């Protein structure tokens, strides 16, 4: 888990929470202690910072007005067991995409794990609502096109802050677009399957926002510069994911 950088005096109330699944994923796994100032002092390869900060502020405004209230209602009105089932089903729909990227990265054993997880959970796991594969020693893991490009030696490029999706870089932004286009569920063109793909994305989005309701509030509350902190954490977290992909390490 990464470390949090110093956080927050005089932060605008508009910067209250974070919109994107990508941003939430960045925070997942980060520890609660402050990160050393050196990571923030590196300027983090952000030549378009004024534009990125404007996008960040817009994301925060939308999150405060819409996304965070929806996430809070979702958390408060659905039992934890139901939320876990939705999360499991969403992850199961993504297994073919994970397996395809594992193959492209040369991680054939992980690809085979993903294929078996999809087969088991789609059948005896009731469409993935129950993670039966984990009980068979087939642990979940995640990967994406950005990680695939990184394992091929593509550099990350400058930092960018994407509308709705949060902090990223040029390589991973391209990977995100390609992921929308090339996801096996989406490219079938079959109405129900495509709808499932969008449903998976929406469920994953809300679930990750719910997971980090408290942690993001705490980061903002204690941050000297919320934008710079999240940018730094995003880069640290992403680098850890890429190193894991290169090693073919199991687990999320």
Protein backbone atom coordinates (compact mmCIF):
# COMPACT_ATOMS: atom_id res chain seq x y z
CA UNK A 1 0.00 0.00 0.00
CA UNK A 2 1.28 3.45 -0.89
CA UNK A 3 1.65 6.33 1.54
CA UNK A 4 -0.42 9.47 1.72
CA UNK A 5 1.29 12.77 1.19
CA UNK A 6 0.69 15.76 3.45
CA UNK A 7 -2.75 17.21 3.15
CA UNK A 8 -4.84 20.20 3.73
CA UNK A 9 -5.16 23.70 4.99
CA UNK A 10 -7.51 26.07 3.27
CA UNK A 11 -8.59 23.57 0.61
CA UNK A 12 -11.69 24.79 -1.18
CA UNK A 13 -14.88 23.05 -0.08
CA UNK A 14 -15.52 22.40 -3.76
CA UNK A 15 -12.68 19.87 -3.72
CA UNK A 16 -14.45 17.54 -1.49
CA UNK A 17 -14.40 14.11 -3.04
CA UNK A 18 -13.35 12.33 -6.09
CA UNK A 19 -15.48 11.31 -9.07
CA UNK A 20 -13.82 8.49 -10.87
CA UNK A 21 -13.36 4.82 -10.51
CA UNK A 22 -9.90 5.31 -11.71
CA UNK A 23 -9.24 7.78 -8.92
CA UNK A 24 -10.80 5.50 -6.36
CA UNK A 25 -8.67 2.65 -7.60
CA UNK A 26 -5.65 4.84 -7.15
CA UNK A 27 -6.47 5.35 -3.51
CA UNK A 28 -7.22 1.66 -2.91
CA UNK A 29 -4.40 0.08 -1.02
CA UNK A 30 -2.76 3.30 0.12
CA UNK A 31 -1.83 3.60 3.77
CA UNK A 32 -3.15 6.22 6.12
CA UNK A 33 0.19 7.83 7.07
CA UNK A 34 1.66 10.88 5.37
CA UNK A 35 3.96 10.37 2.41
CA UNK A 36 7.33 12.10 2.34
CA UNK A 37 7.43 15.52 0.74
CA UNK A 38 9.95 14.41 -1.87
CA UNK A 39 7.27 12.59 -3.87
CA UNK A 40 5.26 15.81 -4.17
CA UNK A 41 8.32 17.95 -4.85
CA UNK A 42 9.10 16.02 -8.01
CA UNK A 43 6.56 18.10 -10.00
CA UNK A 44 5.24 14.75 -11.21
CA UNK A 45 5.61 15.38 -14.95
CA UNK A 46 2.58 17.67 -15.20
CA UNK A 47 3.26 20.24 -17.96
CA UNK A 48 -0.47 20.95 -18.42
CA UNK A 49 -1.11 21.46 -14.70
CA UNK A 50 -3.38 24.55 -15.04
CA UNK A 51 -5.69 22.67 -17.41
CA UNK A 52 -5.53 19.52 -15.30
CA UNK A 53 -6.43 21.47 -12.17
CA UNK A 54 -9.44 22.97 -13.94
CA UNK A 55 -10.63 19.48 -14.91
CA UNK A 56 -10.00 18.32 -11.33
CA UNK A 57 -12.14 21.16 -9.94
CA UNK A 58 -14.96 20.30 -12.35
CA UNK A 59 -14.76 16.63 -11.33
CA UNK A 60 -14.95 17.61 -7.67
CA UNK A 61 -18.02 19.76 -8.27
CA UNK A 62 -19.85 16.91 -10.02
CA UNK A 63 -18.79 14.46 -7.35
CA UNK A 64 -20.03 16.67 -4.55
CA UNK A 65 -23.37 17.33 -6.25
CA UNK A 66 -24.14 13.86 -7.64
CA UNK A 67 -21.71 11.00 -7.24
CA UNK A 68 -20.97 11.15 -3.53
CA UNK A 69 -24.67 11.42 -2.52
CA UNK A 70 -25.49 8.45 -4.78
CA UNK A 71 -22.64 6.43 -3.28
CA UNK A 72 -23.76 7.27 0.26
CA UNK A 73 -27.36 6.26 -0.52
CA UNK A 74 -26.10 3.02 -2.09
CA UNK A 75 -24.05 2.24 1.03
CA UNK A 76 -26.76 3.19 3.50
CA UNK A 77 -29.68 1.42 1.79
CA UNK A 78 -28.18 -1.84 0.52
CA UNK A 79 -26.95 -4.56 2.89
CA UNK A 80 -23.23 -5.35 2.70
CA UNK A 81 -24.02 -8.85 1.35
CA UNK A 82 -25.96 -7.39 -1.57
CA UNK A 83 -23.20 -4.90 -2.36
CA UNK A 84 -20.65 -7.71 -2.28
CA UNK A 85 -22.73 -9.75 -4.71
CA UNK A 86 -22.95 -6.80 -7.12
CA UNK A 87 -19.22 -6.27 -6.85
CA UNK A 88 -18.53 -9.96 -7.51
CA UNK A 89 -20.82 -10.01 -10.54
CA UNK A 90 -19.21 -6.87 -11.98
CA UNK A 91 -15.73 -8.35 -11.51
CA UNK A 92 -16.82 -11.59 -13.15
CA UNK A 93 -17.99 -9.75 -16.27
CA UNK A 94 -14.50 -8.25 -16.52
CA UNK A 95 -12.65 -11.59 -16.36
CA UNK A 96 -12.47 -12.10 -20.18
CA UNK A 97 -10.86 -8.66 -20.51
CA UNK A 98 -8.39 -9.49 -17.72
CA UNK A 99 -7.52 -12.81 -19.36
CA UNK A 100 -6.93 -11.14 -22.74
CA UNK A 101 -4.53 -8.64 -21.20
CA UNK A 102 -2.74 -11.39 -19.27
CA UNK A 103 -2.08 -13.15 -22.57
CA UNK A 104 -0.79 -9.95 -24.19
CA UNK A 105 1.54 -9.49 -21.22
CA UNK A 106 2.83 -13.05 -21.52
CA UNK A 107 1.29 -14.01 -18.15
CA UNK A 108 -0.30 -17.23 -19.38
CA UNK A 109 -0.76 -18.81 -15.96
CA UNK A 110 -2.70 -15.76 -14.77
CA UNK A 111 -4.74 -15.81 -17.99
CA UNK A 112 -5.65 -19.44 -17.34
CA UNK A 113 -6.66 -18.51 -13.80
CA UNK A 114 -8.97 -15.80 -15.15
CA UNK A 115 -10.52 -18.17 -17.67
CA UNK A 116 -11.22 -20.74 -14.97
CA UNK A 117 -12.56 -18.08 -12.60
CA UNK A 118 -15.00 -16.92 -15.27
CA UNK A 119 -16.15 -20.47 -16.00
CA UNK A 120 -16.63 -21.39 -12.34
CA UNK A 121 -18.27 -18.18 -11.16
CA UNK A 122 -20.56 -17.84 -14.19
CA UNK A 123 -21.96 -21.32 -13.54
CA UNK A 124 -21.85 -22.45 -9.91
CA UNK A 125 -21.28 -18.88 -8.76
CA UNK A 126 -24.71 -17.83 -10.09
CA UNK A 127 -23.44 -15.47 -12.76
CA UNK A 128 -20.56 -14.34 -10.58
CA UNK A 129 -22.66 -13.13 -7.66
CA UNK A 130 -20.78 -15.60 -5.44
CA UNK A 131 -17.02 -15.95 -5.83
CA UNK A 132 -16.84 -19.75 -5.82
CA UNK A 133 -13.53 -19.69 -7.70
CA UNK A 134 -11.74 -18.18 -4.74
CA UNK A 135 -12.72 -21.22 -2.67
CA UNK A 136 -10.98 -23.36 -5.31
CA UNK A 137 -7.70 -21.48 -4.83
CA UNK A 138 -8.26 -19.31 -7.91
CA UNK A 139 -7.68 -15.80 -6.50
CA UNK A 140 -8.89 -12.72 -8.38
CA UNK A 141 -6.53 -10.23 -9.97
CA UNK A 142 -6.91 -7.23 -12.23
CA UNK A 143 -5.02 -5.76 -15.16
CA UNK A 144 -5.72 -3.49 -18.12
CA UNK A 145 -4.42 -2.22 -21.44
CA UNK A 146 -2.32 0.51 -19.83
CA UNK A 147 -0.42 -2.15 -17.89
CA UNK A 148 -0.07 -4.19 -21.07
CA UNK A 149 1.44 -1.22 -22.89
CA UNK A 150 3.81 -0.64 -19.98
CA UNK A 151 5.04 -4.25 -20.09
CA UNK A 152 5.76 -3.68 -23.80
CA UNK A 153 8.01 -0.76 -22.87
CA UNK A 154 5.66 2.15 -23.67
CA UNK A 155 6.48 5.14 -21.46
CA UNK A 156 3.77 6.78 -19.39
CA UNK A 157 4.08 10.27 -20.89
CA UNK A 158 2.85 13.44 -19.14
CA UNK A 159 0.30 13.43 -16.36
CA UNK A 160 -3.29 14.16 -17.41
CA UNK A 161 -6.45 14.59 -15.37
CA UNK A 162 -9.38 13.12 -17.27
CA UNK A 163 -12.96 14.39 -17.11
CA UNK A 164 -14.90 12.01 -14.82
CA UNK A 165 -12.02 9.47 -14.71
CA UNK A 166 -9.49 11.41 -12.65
CA UNK A 167 -5.66 11.25 -12.61
CA UNK A 168 -3.88 9.33 -15.33
CA UNK A 169 -1.14 9.73 -17.93
CA UNK A 170 -1.06 9.72 -21.73
CA UNK A 171 -0.30 5.99 -22.00
CA UNK A 172 -2.98 4.91 -19.53
CA UNK A 173 -5.53 7.35 -20.98
CA UNK A 174 -5.02 5.75 -24.38
CA UNK A 175 -5.35 2.35 -22.71
CA UNK A 176 -8.61 3.43 -21.07
CA UNK A 177 -10.12 4.47 -24.41
CA UNK A 178 -8.92 1.22 -26.01
CA UNK A 179 -10.39 -0.70 -23.08
CA UNK A 180 -13.84 0.77 -23.72
CA UNK A 181 -13.59 -0.06 -27.40
CA UNK A 182 -11.99 -3.51 -27.20
CA UNK A 183 -13.60 -5.01 -24.10
CA UNK A 184 -14.90 -8.43 -25.21
CA UNK A 185 -18.32 -7.68 -23.74
CA UNK A 186 -18.67 -4.38 -25.56
CA UNK A 187 -17.46 -5.40 -29.03
CA UNK A 188 -19.99 -8.18 -29.48
CA UNK A 189 -22.55 -5.61 -30.56
CA UNK A 190 -25.19 -7.83 -28.98
CA UNK A 191 -27.60 -5.61 -27.11
CA UNK A 192 -27.87 -7.51 -23.84
CA UNK A 193 -24.14 -8.19 -23.61
CA UNK A 194 -23.29 -4.55 -24.31
CA UNK A 195 -25.80 -3.48 -21.68
CA UNK A 196 -24.12 -5.85 -19.24
CA UNK A 197 -20.78 -4.22 -20.04
CA UNK A 198 -22.14 -0.77 -19.22
CA UNK A 199 -23.84 -2.12 -16.10
CA UNK A 200 -20.55 -3.63 -14.97
CA UNK A 201 -18.80 -0.30 -15.40
CA UNK A 202 -21.49 1.57 -13.49
CA UNK A 203 -21.58 -0.92 -10.64
CA UNK A 204 -17.80 -0.89 -10.39
CA UNK A 205 -17.77 2.91 -10.40
CA UNK A 206 -20.25 3.27 -7.55
CA UNK A 207 -18.74 0.41 -5.54
CA UNK A 208 -15.25 1.87 -5.64
CA UNK A 209 -16.62 5.30 -4.66
CA UNK A 210 -18.39 3.71 -1.70
CA UNK A 211 -15.22 1.92 -0.63
CA UNK A 212 -13.32 5.19 -0.36
CA UNK A 213 -15.93 7.58 1.01
CA UNK A 214 -14.15 7.97 4.34
CA UNK A 215 -10.56 7.73 3.13
CA UNK A 216 -10.98 10.44 0.49
CA UNK A 217 -12.63 12.78 2.96
CA UNK A 218 -9.72 12.24 5.34
CA UNK A 219 -7.15 12.85 2.60
CA UNK A 220 -8.84 16.09 1.62
CA UNK A 221 -9.21 17.21 5.22
CA UNK A 222 -5.49 16.86 5.96
CA UNK A 223 -4.06 17.79 2.56
CA UNK A 224 -2.08 20.94 1.81
CA UNK A 225 -2.85 20.39 -1.89
CA UNK A 226 -5.46 17.74 -2.63
CA UNK A 227 -4.75 17.75 -6.38
CA UNK A 228 -0.98 17.30 -5.96
CA UNK A 229 -1.46 14.62 -3.33
CA UNK A 230 -3.75 12.51 -5.49
CA UNK A 231 -1.50 12.99 -8.50
CA UNK A 232 1.47 11.66 -6.53
CA UNK A 233 -0.46 8.76 -5.02
CA UNK A 234 -1.83 7.87 -8.46
CA UNK A 235 1.64 7.64 -9.92
CA UNK A 236 2.99 5.57 -7.02
CA UNK A 237 0.04 3.22 -7.07
CA UNK A 238 0.15 2.81 -10.84
CA UNK A 239 3.86 2.06 -10.84
CA UNK A 240 3.29 -0.66 -8.23
CA UNK A 241 0.56 -2.22 -10.41
CA UNK A 242 2.84 -2.19 -13.45
CA UNK A 243 5.71 -3.81 -11.57
CA UNK A 244 3.30 -6.50 -10.39
CA UNK A 245 2.17 -7.11 -13.98
CA UNK A 246 5.76 -7.39 -15.16
CA UNK A 247 6.47 -9.97 -12.47
CA UNK A 248 3.22 -11.82 -13.15
CA UNK A 249 2.36 -11.55 -9.46
CA UNK A 250 -0.99 -12.97 -8.33
CA UNK A 251 -3.69 -11.07 -6.53
CA UNK A 252 -5.31 -7.66 -6.94
